[in-house]
Amino acid sequence: MKDLSITQEYMICTVNGKGTIPSYNQKAVACLIVSGLLEMELAKCISINDKKVSVCAELPAGLAYLRPLYNVINQDKPVKIAKVVEAFTIAFTNKKLRELENALMTSLQEAGVAEPVKAGILGNKDCYVPQKNIVTGVIEKIRAELLEDGEISEDVIILTALMAKAGNLKDYFSKYERKELKNRIEAIKKSEAGTLAKEMIQHIEALEMTAFISTMFSNI
């Protein structure tokens, strides 16, 4: 199994038994988009400025699973982040969201960490879901790094911050553990060290505020 990206690990910990994120769970969908934006920004193929995003380079082959998101951004002029999120959350159909999910789940299957299942009303639709031991492995990595003494990787901090914003830490951690995780993230935010993880947590909060404002208005 090759190393997985933050977005792939977020997907592993967020999808349901059909390998999808329900479109009504708009916080989780918004955090998926935020994760993809962060990953592409770190790869320097998009730039984010003043609540807008624009393409500045070709999407790397290693991020092919983000192609549906990249295509929404790839316009003649910068696109508002809120509009990008809306494309995946409040469209009349959830076609774009399913395209992104399918691309991600296919990448997980190719990485050997997802397995086929039958879904759909008649049970005749082929889907992929993360293997249970892989989900457990990601969660135990978070638990080991953030709840025990030792080195903390920036990827784990960012993944945990995204899961906290999406509200799905409760699916894997006790109330006490969730409190400890959030305290650890807050401590990193308030530290004087200018680490990438600290910058990314601040970036996540700024992006998710823009993203969640979009989802909030979509429900009015």
N, C-alpha and C. Protein backbone atom coordinates (compact mmCIF):
# COMPACT_ATOMS: atom_id res chain seq x y z
N MET A 1 0.85 -1.20 0.00
CA MET A 1 0.00 0.00 0.00
C MET A 1 0.88 1.25 0.00
N LYS A 2 0.62 2.14 -0.94
CA LYS A 2 1.40 3.37 -0.99
C LYS A 2 0.85 4.38 0.01
N ASP A 3 1.67 5.40 0.29
CA ASP A 3 1.23 6.44 1.20
C ASP A 3 0.01 7.16 0.63
N LEU A 4 -0.92 7.49 1.50
CA LEU A 4 -2.15 8.15 1.08
C LEU A 4 -2.07 9.64 1.40
N SER A 5 -2.79 10.43 0.64
CA SER A 5 -2.81 11.88 0.86
C SER A 5 -3.82 12.23 1.96
N ILE A 6 -3.79 13.48 2.38
CA ILE A 6 -4.74 13.95 3.38
C ILE A 6 -6.18 13.78 2.88
N THR A 7 -6.43 14.14 1.62
CA THR A 7 -7.79 14.04 1.07
C THR A 7 -8.23 12.59 0.98
N GLN A 8 -7.35 11.69 0.60
CA GLN A 8 -7.70 10.28 0.55
C GLN A 8 -8.01 9.74 1.94
N GLU A 9 -7.21 10.12 2.93
CA GLU A 9 -7.47 9.65 4.29
C GLU A 9 -8.74 10.27 4.86
N TYR A 10 -9.00 11.52 4.52
CA TYR A 10 -10.25 12.15 4.95
C TYR A 10 -11.44 11.38 4.37
N MET A 11 -11.33 11.03 3.09
CA MET A 11 -12.40 10.28 2.42
C MET A 11 -12.61 8.93 3.11
N ILE A 12 -11.52 8.25 3.43
CA ILE A 12 -11.59 6.95 4.09
C ILE A 12 -12.38 7.02 5.39
N CYS A 13 -12.19 8.11 6.14
CA CYS A 13 -12.81 8.25 7.46
C CYS A 13 -14.21 8.87 7.42
N THR A 14 -14.67 9.26 6.23
CA THR A 14 -15.91 10.03 6.15
C THR A 14 -17.02 9.34 5.37
N VAL A 15 -16.68 8.49 4.42
CA VAL A 15 -17.72 7.89 3.58
C VAL A 15 -18.57 6.89 4.37
N ASN A 16 -19.77 6.66 3.86
CA ASN A 16 -20.67 5.69 4.47
C ASN A 16 -20.43 4.30 3.88
N GLY A 17 -21.33 3.36 4.16
CA GLY A 17 -21.17 1.99 3.70
C GLY A 17 -21.35 1.81 2.21
N LYS A 18 -21.70 2.88 1.50
CA LYS A 18 -21.82 2.84 0.05
C LYS A 18 -20.67 3.55 -0.65
N GLY A 19 -19.71 4.02 0.15
CA GLY A 19 -18.55 4.69 -0.42
C GLY A 19 -18.81 6.11 -0.84
N THR A 20 -19.83 6.74 -0.25
CA THR A 20 -20.16 8.13 -0.61
C THR A 20 -20.34 8.97 0.66
N ILE A 21 -20.30 10.28 0.47
CA ILE A 21 -20.67 11.21 1.53
C ILE A 21 -22.06 11.72 1.20
N PRO A 22 -23.06 11.47 2.03
CA PRO A 22 -24.42 11.94 1.71
C PRO A 22 -24.42 13.44 1.41
N SER A 23 -25.08 13.83 0.33
CA SER A 23 -25.07 15.24 -0.07
C SER A 23 -25.71 16.15 0.98
N TYR A 24 -26.58 15.59 1.84
CA TYR A 24 -27.19 16.42 2.88
C TYR A 24 -26.20 16.75 4.00
N ASN A 25 -25.10 16.00 4.08
CA ASN A 25 -24.07 16.27 5.09
C ASN A 25 -23.13 17.32 4.53
N GLN A 26 -23.62 18.57 4.46
CA GLN A 26 -22.90 19.60 3.74
C GLN A 26 -21.60 20.02 4.42
N LYS A 27 -21.51 19.89 5.73
CA LYS A 27 -20.25 20.19 6.41
C LYS A 27 -19.16 19.23 5.95
N ALA A 28 -19.50 17.95 5.89
CA ALA A 28 -18.52 16.95 5.47
C ALA A 28 -18.11 17.16 4.02
N VAL A 29 -19.08 17.51 3.15
CA VAL A 29 -18.77 17.77 1.75
C VAL A 29 -17.89 19.01 1.63
N ALA A 30 -18.24 20.07 2.36
CA ALA A 30 -17.46 21.30 2.31
C ALA A 30 -16.02 21.05 2.75
N CYS A 31 -15.83 20.22 3.78
CA CYS A 31 -14.47 19.91 4.25
C CYS A 31 -13.71 19.07 3.23
N LEU A 32 -14.42 18.22 2.48
CA LEU A 32 -13.78 17.49 1.39
C LEU A 32 -13.24 18.46 0.35
N ILE A 33 -14.02 19.47 0.01
CA ILE A 33 -13.59 20.47 -0.97
C ILE A 33 -12.41 21.26 -0.42
N VAL A 34 -12.50 21.66 0.84
CA VAL A 34 -11.40 22.40 1.48
C VAL A 34 -10.12 21.58 1.45
N SER A 35 -10.22 20.28 1.75
CA SER A 35 -9.07 19.41 1.72
C SER A 35 -8.44 19.36 0.34
N GLY A 36 -9.28 19.21 -0.68
CA GLY A 36 -8.78 19.18 -2.05
C GLY A 36 -8.12 20.48 -2.45
N LEU A 37 -8.69 21.59 -2.04
CA LEU A 37 -8.10 22.90 -2.34
C LEU A 37 -6.74 23.04 -1.68
N LEU A 38 -6.64 22.65 -0.42
CA LEU A 38 -5.37 22.71 0.29
C LEU A 38 -4.31 21.86 -0.40
N GLU A 39 -4.72 20.66 -0.81
CA GLU A 39 -3.76 19.74 -1.44
C GLU A 39 -3.25 20.31 -2.76
N MET A 40 -4.14 20.89 -3.55
CA MET A 40 -3.72 21.47 -4.83
C MET A 40 -2.90 22.74 -4.61
N GLU A 41 -3.22 23.50 -3.58
CA GLU A 41 -2.43 24.69 -3.29
C GLU A 41 -1.02 24.31 -2.87
N LEU A 42 -0.89 23.27 -2.04
CA LEU A 42 0.43 22.80 -1.62
C LEU A 42 1.23 22.28 -2.82
N ALA A 43 0.51 21.74 -3.82
CA ALA A 43 1.17 21.25 -5.03
C ALA A 43 1.45 22.38 -6.02
N LYS A 44 1.03 23.59 -5.65
CA LYS A 44 1.28 24.80 -6.46
C LYS A 44 0.64 24.75 -7.84
N CYS A 45 -0.52 24.08 -7.95
CA CYS A 45 -1.23 24.10 -9.23
C CYS A 45 -2.44 25.03 -9.18
N ILE A 46 -2.80 25.49 -7.97
CA ILE A 46 -3.81 26.54 -7.84
C ILE A 46 -3.29 27.56 -6.84
N SER A 47 -3.87 28.74 -6.87
CA SER A 47 -3.55 29.77 -5.87
C SER A 47 -4.85 30.27 -5.26
N ILE A 48 -4.79 30.61 -3.98
CA ILE A 48 -5.96 31.08 -3.26
C ILE A 48 -5.67 32.47 -2.72
N ASN A 49 -6.47 33.43 -3.14
CA ASN A 49 -6.30 34.81 -2.70
C ASN A 49 -7.66 35.49 -2.58
N ASP A 50 -7.86 36.19 -1.47
CA ASP A 50 -9.05 37.00 -1.28
C ASP A 50 -10.34 36.21 -1.55
N LYS A 51 -10.43 35.01 -0.95
CA LYS A 51 -11.62 34.15 -1.04
C LYS A 51 -11.92 33.71 -2.47
N LYS A 52 -10.87 33.77 -3.33
CA LYS A 52 -11.02 33.28 -4.69
C LYS A 52 -9.89 32.31 -5.00
N VAL A 53 -10.14 31.44 -5.96
CA VAL A 53 -9.16 30.43 -6.33
C VAL A 53 -8.98 30.42 -7.84
N SER A 54 -7.75 30.22 -8.28
CA SER A 54 -7.46 30.19 -9.71
C SER A 54 -6.40 29.15 -10.01
N VAL A 55 -6.42 28.65 -11.22
CA VAL A 55 -5.43 27.65 -11.67
C VAL A 55 -4.16 28.37 -12.08
N CYS A 56 -3.00 27.84 -11.67
CA CYS A 56 -1.73 28.44 -12.08
C CYS A 56 -0.77 27.41 -12.68
N ALA A 57 -1.17 26.14 -12.72
CA ALA A 57 -0.36 25.10 -13.34
C ALA A 57 -1.23 23.88 -13.60
N GLU A 58 -0.70 22.96 -14.40
CA GLU A 58 -1.43 21.73 -14.67
C GLU A 58 -1.56 20.89 -13.40
N LEU A 59 -2.62 20.14 -13.30
CA LEU A 59 -2.81 19.25 -12.16
C LEU A 59 -1.78 18.12 -12.25
N PRO A 60 -0.98 17.91 -11.19
CA PRO A 60 0.01 16.81 -11.22
C PRO A 60 -0.67 15.46 -11.39
N ALA A 61 0.02 14.55 -12.05
CA ALA A 61 -0.55 13.21 -12.29
C ALA A 61 -0.91 12.53 -10.98
N GLY A 62 -0.14 12.79 -9.92
CA GLY A 62 -0.40 12.16 -8.64
C GLY A 62 -1.66 12.64 -7.96
N LEU A 63 -2.24 13.73 -8.46
CA LEU A 63 -3.48 14.27 -7.90
C LEU A 63 -4.64 14.10 -8.88
N ALA A 64 -4.55 13.11 -9.74
CA ALA A 64 -5.58 12.91 -10.77
C ALA A 64 -6.96 12.74 -10.16
N TYR A 65 -7.04 12.22 -8.93
CA TYR A 65 -8.33 12.01 -8.27
C TYR A 65 -9.03 13.32 -7.92
N LEU A 66 -8.32 14.45 -8.05
CA LEU A 66 -8.92 15.76 -7.80
C LEU A 66 -9.33 16.46 -9.11
N ARG A 67 -9.26 15.75 -10.21
CA ARG A 67 -9.59 16.34 -11.51
C ARG A 67 -10.99 16.97 -11.54
N PRO A 68 -12.04 16.33 -11.01
CA PRO A 68 -13.37 16.97 -11.03
C PRO A 68 -13.39 18.32 -10.31
N LEU A 69 -12.63 18.44 -9.23
CA LEU A 69 -12.55 19.71 -8.50
C LEU A 69 -11.71 20.72 -9.28
N TYR A 70 -10.60 20.26 -9.82
CA TYR A 70 -9.72 21.12 -10.62
C TYR A 70 -10.47 21.70 -11.82
N ASN A 71 -11.29 20.89 -12.47
CA ASN A 71 -12.03 21.35 -13.65
C ASN A 71 -13.01 22.47 -13.32
N VAL A 72 -13.60 22.44 -12.13
CA VAL A 72 -14.52 23.50 -11.72
C VAL A 72 -13.76 24.82 -11.55
N ILE A 73 -12.53 24.74 -11.10
CA ILE A 73 -11.71 25.93 -10.86
C ILE A 73 -11.08 26.45 -12.14
N ASN A 74 -10.84 25.58 -13.09
CA ASN A 74 -10.10 25.92 -14.31
C ASN A 74 -10.95 26.79 -15.25
N GLN A 75 -11.04 28.08 -14.90
CA GLN A 75 -11.83 29.04 -15.66
C GLN A 75 -10.93 30.18 -16.15
N ASP A 76 -11.49 31.07 -16.96
CA ASP A 76 -10.71 32.19 -17.50
C ASP A 76 -10.34 33.22 -16.44
N LYS A 77 -11.06 33.23 -15.34
CA LYS A 77 -10.78 34.18 -14.27
C LYS A 77 -10.95 33.50 -12.92
N PRO A 78 -10.42 34.09 -11.85
CA PRO A 78 -10.55 33.47 -10.51
C PRO A 78 -12.01 33.20 -10.15
N VAL A 79 -12.21 32.11 -9.44
CA VAL A 79 -13.55 31.69 -9.04
C VAL A 79 -13.69 31.84 -7.53
N LYS A 80 -14.82 32.36 -7.08
CA LYS A 80 -15.05 32.48 -5.65
C LYS A 80 -15.11 31.09 -5.02
N ILE A 81 -14.45 30.95 -3.88
CA ILE A 81 -14.46 29.65 -3.19
C ILE A 81 -15.88 29.21 -2.89
N ALA A 82 -16.73 30.17 -2.53
CA ALA A 82 -18.13 29.84 -2.24
C ALA A 82 -18.81 29.21 -3.45
N LYS A 83 -18.47 29.69 -4.65
CA LYS A 83 -19.05 29.14 -5.87
C LYS A 83 -18.54 27.73 -6.14
N VAL A 84 -17.28 27.51 -5.81
CA VAL A 84 -16.72 26.17 -5.97
C VAL A 84 -17.46 25.18 -5.07
N VAL A 85 -17.66 25.58 -3.83
CA VAL A 85 -18.36 24.72 -2.88
C VAL A 85 -19.80 24.48 -3.34
N GLU A 86 -20.44 25.53 -3.81
CA GLU A 86 -21.83 25.41 -4.27
C GLU A 86 -21.96 24.39 -5.39
N ALA A 87 -20.94 24.30 -6.24
CA ALA A 87 -20.99 23.36 -7.36
C ALA A 87 -21.11 21.92 -6.88
N PHE A 88 -20.67 21.67 -5.63
CA PHE A 88 -20.69 20.31 -5.10
C PHE A 88 -21.75 20.10 -4.02
N THR A 89 -22.43 21.18 -3.62
CA THR A 89 -23.37 21.05 -2.50
C THR A 89 -24.81 21.44 -2.81
N ILE A 90 -25.01 22.43 -3.69
CA ILE A 90 -26.39 22.89 -3.87
C ILE A 90 -26.88 22.83 -5.31
N ALA A 91 -26.21 22.02 -6.12
CA ALA A 91 -26.69 21.84 -7.48
C ALA A 91 -27.98 21.03 -7.46
N PHE A 92 -28.75 21.12 -8.55
CA PHE A 92 -30.01 20.36 -8.62
C PHE A 92 -29.74 18.86 -8.61
N THR A 93 -28.59 18.47 -9.11
CA THR A 93 -28.18 17.07 -8.99
C THR A 93 -26.84 17.06 -8.26
N ASN A 94 -26.46 15.89 -7.77
CA ASN A 94 -25.16 15.79 -7.08
C ASN A 94 -24.11 15.17 -8.01
N LYS A 95 -24.23 15.43 -9.31
CA LYS A 95 -23.36 14.83 -10.31
C LYS A 95 -21.88 15.14 -10.05
N LYS A 96 -21.57 16.41 -9.80
CA LYS A 96 -20.16 16.79 -9.60
C LYS A 96 -19.59 16.15 -8.34
N LEU A 97 -20.39 16.10 -7.28
CA LEU A 97 -19.93 15.47 -6.05
C LEU A 97 -19.65 13.99 -6.30
N ARG A 98 -20.54 13.31 -6.99
CA ARG A 98 -20.35 11.89 -7.26
C ARG A 98 -19.12 11.66 -8.15
N GLU A 99 -18.86 12.56 -9.10
CA GLU A 99 -17.67 12.43 -9.94
C GLU A 99 -16.40 12.51 -9.09
N LEU A 100 -16.38 13.46 -8.16
CA LEU A 100 -15.23 13.61 -7.27
C LEU A 100 -15.07 12.40 -6.37
N GLU A 101 -16.18 11.95 -5.80
CA GLU A 101 -16.13 10.77 -4.93
C GLU A 101 -15.67 9.53 -5.70
N ASN A 102 -16.19 9.36 -6.92
CA ASN A 102 -15.80 8.19 -7.71
C ASN A 102 -14.31 8.21 -8.03
N ALA A 103 -13.80 9.41 -8.35
CA ALA A 103 -12.37 9.54 -8.65
C ALA A 103 -11.53 9.19 -7.43
N LEU A 104 -11.96 9.66 -6.27
CA LEU A 104 -11.23 9.37 -5.04
C LEU A 104 -11.30 7.88 -4.67
N MET A 105 -12.50 7.30 -4.75
CA MET A 105 -12.64 5.90 -4.37
C MET A 105 -11.91 4.99 -5.36
N THR A 106 -11.87 5.38 -6.63
CA THR A 106 -11.10 4.60 -7.61
C THR A 106 -9.62 4.65 -7.28
N SER A 107 -9.14 5.83 -6.86
CA SER A 107 -7.73 5.95 -6.49
C SER A 107 -7.42 5.08 -5.26
N LEU A 108 -8.36 4.97 -4.35
CA LEU A 108 -8.17 4.13 -3.17
C LEU A 108 -8.18 2.66 -3.54
N GLN A 109 -9.04 2.30 -4.49
CA GLN A 109 -9.08 0.91 -4.95
C GLN A 109 -7.76 0.56 -5.64
N GLU A 110 -7.25 1.49 -6.44
CA GLU A 110 -5.98 1.25 -7.13
C GLU A 110 -4.82 1.17 -6.15
N ALA A 111 -4.96 1.86 -5.01
CA ALA A 111 -3.92 1.82 -3.98
C ALA A 111 -4.03 0.57 -3.12
N GLY A 112 -5.07 -0.23 -3.35
CA GLY A 112 -5.24 -1.48 -2.61
C GLY A 112 -5.84 -1.33 -1.23
N VAL A 113 -6.59 -0.23 -1.02
CA VAL A 113 -7.15 0.00 0.32
C VAL A 113 -8.68 0.09 0.31
N ALA A 114 -9.29 -0.18 -0.83
CA ALA A 114 -10.76 -0.18 -0.93
C ALA A 114 -11.20 -1.46 -1.62
N GLU A 115 -12.41 -1.89 -1.30
CA GLU A 115 -12.92 -3.14 -1.85
C GLU A 115 -14.32 -2.92 -2.44
N PRO A 116 -14.71 -3.72 -3.42
CA PRO A 116 -16.01 -3.54 -4.07
C PRO A 116 -17.18 -3.99 -3.20
N VAL A 117 -18.30 -3.26 -3.33
CA VAL A 117 -19.55 -3.65 -2.68
C VAL A 117 -20.69 -3.38 -3.66
N LYS A 118 -21.82 -3.98 -3.41
CA LYS A 118 -23.01 -3.72 -4.21
C LYS A 118 -23.89 -2.72 -3.47
N ALA A 119 -24.37 -1.70 -4.18
CA ALA A 119 -25.22 -0.67 -3.58
C ALA A 119 -26.38 -0.39 -4.53
N GLY A 120 -27.10 0.69 -4.27
CA GLY A 120 -28.26 1.02 -5.09
C GLY A 120 -29.52 0.38 -4.57
N ILE A 121 -30.65 0.87 -5.02
CA ILE A 121 -31.95 0.38 -4.56
C ILE A 121 -32.11 -1.11 -4.82
N LEU A 122 -31.62 -1.57 -5.98
CA LEU A 122 -31.76 -2.98 -6.34
C LEU A 122 -30.52 -3.79 -5.99
N GLY A 123 -29.54 -3.11 -5.40
CA GLY A 123 -28.32 -3.82 -5.03
C GLY A 123 -27.49 -4.28 -6.21
N ASN A 124 -27.60 -3.56 -7.34
CA ASN A 124 -26.86 -3.97 -8.54
C ASN A 124 -25.86 -2.91 -9.00
N LYS A 125 -25.55 -1.96 -8.14
CA LYS A 125 -24.60 -0.92 -8.49
C LYS A 125 -23.25 -1.23 -7.85
N ASP A 126 -22.19 -1.19 -8.66
CA ASP A 126 -20.84 -1.47 -8.16
C ASP A 126 -20.24 -0.22 -7.52
N CYS A 127 -19.80 -0.36 -6.28
CA CYS A 127 -19.17 0.75 -5.55
C CYS A 127 -17.93 0.22 -4.83
N TYR A 128 -17.16 1.17 -4.30
CA TYR A 128 -16.00 0.79 -3.49
C TYR A 128 -16.13 1.41 -2.11
N VAL A 129 -15.67 0.68 -1.11
CA VAL A 129 -15.64 1.20 0.26
C VAL A 129 -14.26 0.92 0.84
N PRO A 130 -13.78 1.76 1.77
CA PRO A 130 -12.47 1.51 2.38
C PRO A 130 -12.48 0.21 3.18
N GLN A 131 -11.38 -0.49 3.15
CA GLN A 131 -11.25 -1.68 3.97
C GLN A 131 -11.23 -1.27 5.45
N LYS A 132 -11.89 -2.05 6.29
CA LYS A 132 -12.03 -1.68 7.70
C LYS A 132 -10.69 -1.54 8.40
N ASN A 133 -9.74 -2.40 8.05
CA ASN A 133 -8.43 -2.32 8.70
C ASN A 133 -7.68 -1.05 8.31
N ILE A 134 -7.98 -0.51 7.12
CA ILE A 134 -7.35 0.73 6.68
C ILE A 134 -7.93 1.91 7.46
N VAL A 135 -9.26 1.91 7.64
CA VAL A 135 -9.90 2.94 8.45
C VAL A 135 -9.32 2.91 9.86
N THR A 136 -9.24 1.73 10.43
CA THR A 136 -8.68 1.58 11.79
C THR A 136 -7.25 2.10 11.85
N GLY A 137 -6.48 1.81 10.80
CA GLY A 137 -5.09 2.26 10.77
C GLY A 137 -4.96 3.77 10.78
N VAL A 138 -5.82 4.46 10.02
CA VAL A 138 -5.78 5.93 9.99
C VAL A 138 -6.16 6.50 11.36
N ILE A 139 -7.21 5.95 11.96
CA ILE A 139 -7.67 6.44 13.26
C ILE A 139 -6.62 6.18 14.34
N GLU A 140 -6.00 5.01 14.30
CA GLU A 140 -4.97 4.70 15.30
C GLU A 140 -3.74 5.59 15.12
N LYS A 141 -3.47 5.99 13.90
CA LYS A 141 -2.36 6.92 13.65
C LYS A 141 -2.64 8.27 14.31
N ILE A 142 -3.89 8.75 14.16
CA ILE A 142 -4.28 10.00 14.82
C ILE A 142 -4.18 9.85 16.33
N ARG A 143 -4.69 8.74 16.85
CA ARG A 143 -4.68 8.51 18.30
C ARG A 143 -3.24 8.46 18.83
N ALA A 144 -2.38 7.78 18.11
CA ALA A 144 -1.00 7.62 18.57
C ALA A 144 -0.24 8.94 18.56
N GLU A 145 -0.48 9.77 17.56
CA GLU A 145 0.29 11.01 17.44
C GLU A 145 -0.26 12.15 18.28
N LEU A 146 -1.56 12.24 18.39
CA LEU A 146 -2.15 13.39 19.07
C LEU A 146 -2.56 13.12 20.51
N LEU A 147 -2.73 11.87 20.86
CA LEU A 147 -3.15 11.55 22.23
C LEU A 147 -2.03 10.93 23.06
N GLU A 148 -0.88 10.72 22.44
CA GLU A 148 0.26 10.18 23.16
C GLU A 148 1.46 11.08 22.94
N ASP A 149 2.45 10.95 23.81
CA ASP A 149 3.67 11.73 23.67
C ASP A 149 4.47 11.21 22.47
N GLY A 150 5.02 12.13 21.73
CA GLY A 150 5.81 11.74 20.58
C GLY A 150 5.70 12.76 19.47
N GLU A 151 6.35 12.46 18.38
CA GLU A 151 6.37 13.38 17.24
C GLU A 151 5.00 13.43 16.57
N ILE A 152 4.60 14.65 16.19
CA ILE A 152 3.30 14.84 15.52
C ILE A 152 3.56 15.29 14.09
N SER A 153 3.02 14.55 13.12
CA SER A 153 3.20 14.93 11.72
C SER A 153 2.19 15.99 11.33
N GLU A 154 2.58 16.83 10.39
CA GLU A 154 1.69 17.90 9.95
C GLU A 154 0.45 17.34 9.26
N ASP A 155 0.61 16.24 8.52
CA ASP A 155 -0.54 15.63 7.83
C ASP A 155 -1.62 15.20 8.83
N VAL A 156 -1.20 14.62 9.95
CA VAL A 156 -2.16 14.16 10.96
C VAL A 156 -2.87 15.34 11.60
N ILE A 157 -2.16 16.42 11.86
CA ILE A 157 -2.78 17.61 12.43
C ILE A 157 -3.83 18.18 11.49
N ILE A 158 -3.47 18.28 10.22
CA ILE A 158 -4.40 18.83 9.22
C ILE A 158 -5.62 17.93 9.05
N LEU A 159 -5.39 16.61 8.97
CA LEU A 159 -6.50 15.66 8.84
C LEU A 159 -7.44 15.75 10.03
N THR A 160 -6.88 15.83 11.23
CA THR A 160 -7.71 15.91 12.44
C THR A 160 -8.50 17.21 12.47
N ALA A 161 -7.88 18.30 12.05
CA ALA A 161 -8.58 19.59 12.00
C ALA A 161 -9.75 19.53 11.03
N LEU A 162 -9.56 18.89 9.88
CA LEU A 162 -10.65 18.74 8.91
C LEU A 162 -11.78 17.88 9.47
N MET A 163 -11.42 16.78 10.12
CA MET A 163 -12.44 15.89 10.68
C MET A 163 -13.20 16.58 11.81
N ALA A 164 -12.50 17.42 12.57
CA ALA A 164 -13.17 18.17 13.64
C ALA A 164 -14.18 19.14 13.06
N LYS A 165 -13.79 19.83 11.97
CA LYS A 165 -14.70 20.78 11.33
C LYS A 165 -15.90 20.06 10.71
N ALA A 166 -15.65 18.86 10.18
CA ALA A 166 -16.74 18.09 9.55
C ALA A 166 -17.66 17.46 10.59
N GLY A 167 -17.19 17.37 11.84
CA GLY A 167 -18.02 16.80 12.90
C GLY A 167 -18.02 15.29 12.97
N ASN A 168 -17.03 14.63 12.37
CA ASN A 168 -17.06 13.16 12.39
C ASN A 168 -16.01 12.53 13.31
N LEU A 169 -15.36 13.33 14.16
CA LEU A 169 -14.48 12.74 15.16
C LEU A 169 -15.28 11.85 16.12
N LYS A 170 -16.56 12.22 16.33
CA LYS A 170 -17.40 11.46 17.26
C LYS A 170 -17.65 10.04 16.80
N ASP A 171 -17.42 9.78 15.51
CA ASP A 171 -17.62 8.42 15.00
C ASP A 171 -16.49 7.48 15.44
N TYR A 172 -15.39 8.05 15.90
CA TYR A 172 -14.22 7.23 16.19
C TYR A 172 -13.61 7.44 17.57
N PHE A 173 -13.89 8.58 18.20
CA PHE A 173 -13.23 8.90 19.46
C PHE A 173 -14.26 9.19 20.55
N SER A 174 -13.89 8.88 21.77
CA SER A 174 -14.76 9.17 22.92
C SER A 174 -14.83 10.68 23.16
N LYS A 175 -15.77 11.08 23.99
CA LYS A 175 -15.92 12.50 24.32
C LYS A 175 -14.63 13.05 24.92
N TYR A 176 -14.01 12.27 25.80
CA TYR A 176 -12.75 12.70 26.42
C TYR A 176 -11.66 12.82 25.36
N GLU A 177 -11.56 11.85 24.46
CA GLU A 177 -10.53 11.88 23.41
C GLU A 177 -10.75 13.07 22.48
N ARG A 178 -12.02 13.36 22.14
CA ARG A 178 -12.30 14.49 21.25
C ARG A 178 -11.86 15.80 21.90
N LYS A 179 -12.11 15.92 23.19
CA LYS A 179 -11.69 17.12 23.91
C LYS A 179 -10.18 17.26 23.88
N GLU A 180 -9.47 16.15 24.10
CA GLU A 180 -8.01 16.17 24.09
C GLU A 180 -7.48 16.52 22.69
N LEU A 181 -8.10 15.97 21.66
CA LEU A 181 -7.68 16.26 20.29
C LEU A 181 -7.85 17.75 19.97
N LYS A 182 -9.00 18.29 20.34
CA LYS A 182 -9.26 19.70 20.06
C LYS A 182 -8.33 20.60 20.87
N ASN A 183 -8.03 20.21 22.11
CA ASN A 183 -7.09 20.98 22.93
C ASN A 183 -5.70 20.99 22.29
N ARG A 184 -5.32 19.85 21.73
CA ARG A 184 -4.00 19.75 21.09
C ARG A 184 -3.93 20.65 19.86
N ILE A 185 -5.00 20.67 19.08
CA ILE A 185 -5.04 21.53 17.90
C ILE A 185 -5.00 23.00 18.30
N GLU A 186 -5.75 23.36 19.34
CA GLU A 186 -5.76 24.74 19.83
C GLU A 186 -4.37 25.15 20.30
N ALA A 187 -3.67 24.24 20.96
CA ALA A 187 -2.32 24.54 21.45
C ALA A 187 -1.37 24.81 20.29
N ILE A 188 -1.53 24.04 19.21
CA ILE A 188 -0.69 24.25 18.02
C ILE A 188 -1.00 25.60 17.39
N LYS A 189 -2.29 25.94 17.33
CA LYS A 189 -2.70 27.23 16.76
C LYS A 189 -2.09 28.41 17.53
N LYS A 190 -2.02 28.27 18.85
CA LYS A 190 -1.58 29.37 19.69
C LYS A 190 -0.07 29.39 19.92
N SER A 191 0.62 28.37 19.42
CA SER A 191 2.07 28.32 19.62
C SER A 191 2.75 29.40 18.80
N GLU A 192 3.94 29.75 19.19
CA GLU A 192 4.69 30.80 18.50
C GLU A 192 5.44 30.26 17.29
N ALA A 193 5.57 28.97 17.21
CA ALA A 193 6.28 28.37 16.09
C ALA A 193 5.50 28.55 14.80
N GLY A 194 6.17 28.97 13.75
CA GLY A 194 5.50 29.20 12.46
C GLY A 194 5.56 27.96 11.59
N THR A 195 4.95 26.89 12.01
CA THR A 195 4.99 25.64 11.27
C THR A 195 3.95 25.62 10.16
N LEU A 196 4.18 24.74 9.18
CA LEU A 196 3.20 24.57 8.11
C LEU A 196 1.86 24.13 8.67
N ALA A 197 1.90 23.23 9.66
CA ALA A 197 0.65 22.74 10.25
C ALA A 197 -0.16 23.88 10.84
N LYS A 198 0.50 24.77 11.56
CA LYS A 198 -0.20 25.91 12.16
C LYS A 198 -0.82 26.78 11.06
N GLU A 199 -0.04 27.04 10.01
CA GLU A 199 -0.55 27.85 8.90
C GLU A 199 -1.73 27.16 8.23
N MET A 200 -1.65 25.84 8.08
CA MET A 200 -2.72 25.09 7.42
C MET A 200 -4.00 25.07 8.27
N ILE A 201 -3.85 24.96 9.59
CA ILE A 201 -5.03 25.01 10.47
C ILE A 201 -5.73 26.35 10.32
N GLN A 202 -4.95 27.43 10.31
CA GLN A 202 -5.53 28.76 10.13
C GLN A 202 -6.18 28.88 8.76
N HIS A 203 -5.54 28.28 7.76
CA HIS A 203 -6.06 28.30 6.40
C HIS A 203 -7.37 27.52 6.32
N ILE A 204 -7.41 26.37 6.98
CA ILE A 204 -8.63 25.55 7.01
C ILE A 204 -9.78 26.36 7.60
N GLU A 205 -9.51 27.06 8.69
CA GLU A 205 -10.57 27.83 9.35
C GLU A 205 -11.08 28.94 8.46
N ALA A 206 -10.17 29.59 7.74
CA ALA A 206 -10.60 30.66 6.83
C ALA A 206 -11.40 30.10 5.66
N LEU A 207 -10.92 29.00 5.10
CA LEU A 207 -11.62 28.39 3.97
C LEU A 207 -12.96 27.81 4.38
N GLU A 208 -13.00 27.14 5.53
CA GLU A 208 -14.26 26.51 5.93
C GLU A 208 -15.30 27.55 6.30
N MET A 209 -14.86 28.71 6.78
CA MET A 209 -15.83 29.77 7.07
C MET A 209 -16.50 30.21 5.77
N THR A 210 -15.69 30.41 4.73
CA THR A 210 -16.24 30.78 3.42
C THR A 210 -17.13 29.66 2.88
N ALA A 211 -16.66 28.42 3.03
CA ALA A 211 -17.42 27.27 2.51
C ALA A 211 -18.73 27.09 3.25
N PHE A 212 -18.71 27.21 4.57
CA PHE A 212 -19.90 26.95 5.36
C PHE A 212 -20.93 28.08 5.22
N ILE A 213 -20.45 29.29 4.97
CA ILE A 213 -21.40 30.39 4.69
C ILE A 213 -22.20 30.04 3.45
N SER A 214 -21.50 29.45 2.45
CA SER A 214 -22.18 29.03 1.22
C SER A 214 -23.23 27.98 1.50
N THR A 215 -22.89 26.96 2.30
CA THR A 215 -23.85 25.89 2.59
C THR A 215 -25.00 26.41 3.45
N MET A 216 -24.72 27.38 4.32
CA MET A 216 -25.77 27.93 5.18
C MET A 216 -26.82 28.62 4.33
N PHE A 217 -26.37 29.43 3.36
CA PHE A 217 -27.33 30.14 2.54
C PHE A 217 -28.08 29.20 1.60
N SER A 218 -27.48 28.08 1.30
CA SER A 218 -28.15 27.12 0.41
C SER A 218 -29.37 26.51 1.09
N ASN A 219 -29.44 26.58 2.43
CA ASN A 219 -30.55 25.98 3.16
C ASN A 219 -31.67 26.97 3.46
N ILE A 220 -31.50 28.23 3.06
CA ILE A 220 -32.51 29.26 3.35
C ILE A 220 -33.67 29.16 2.35
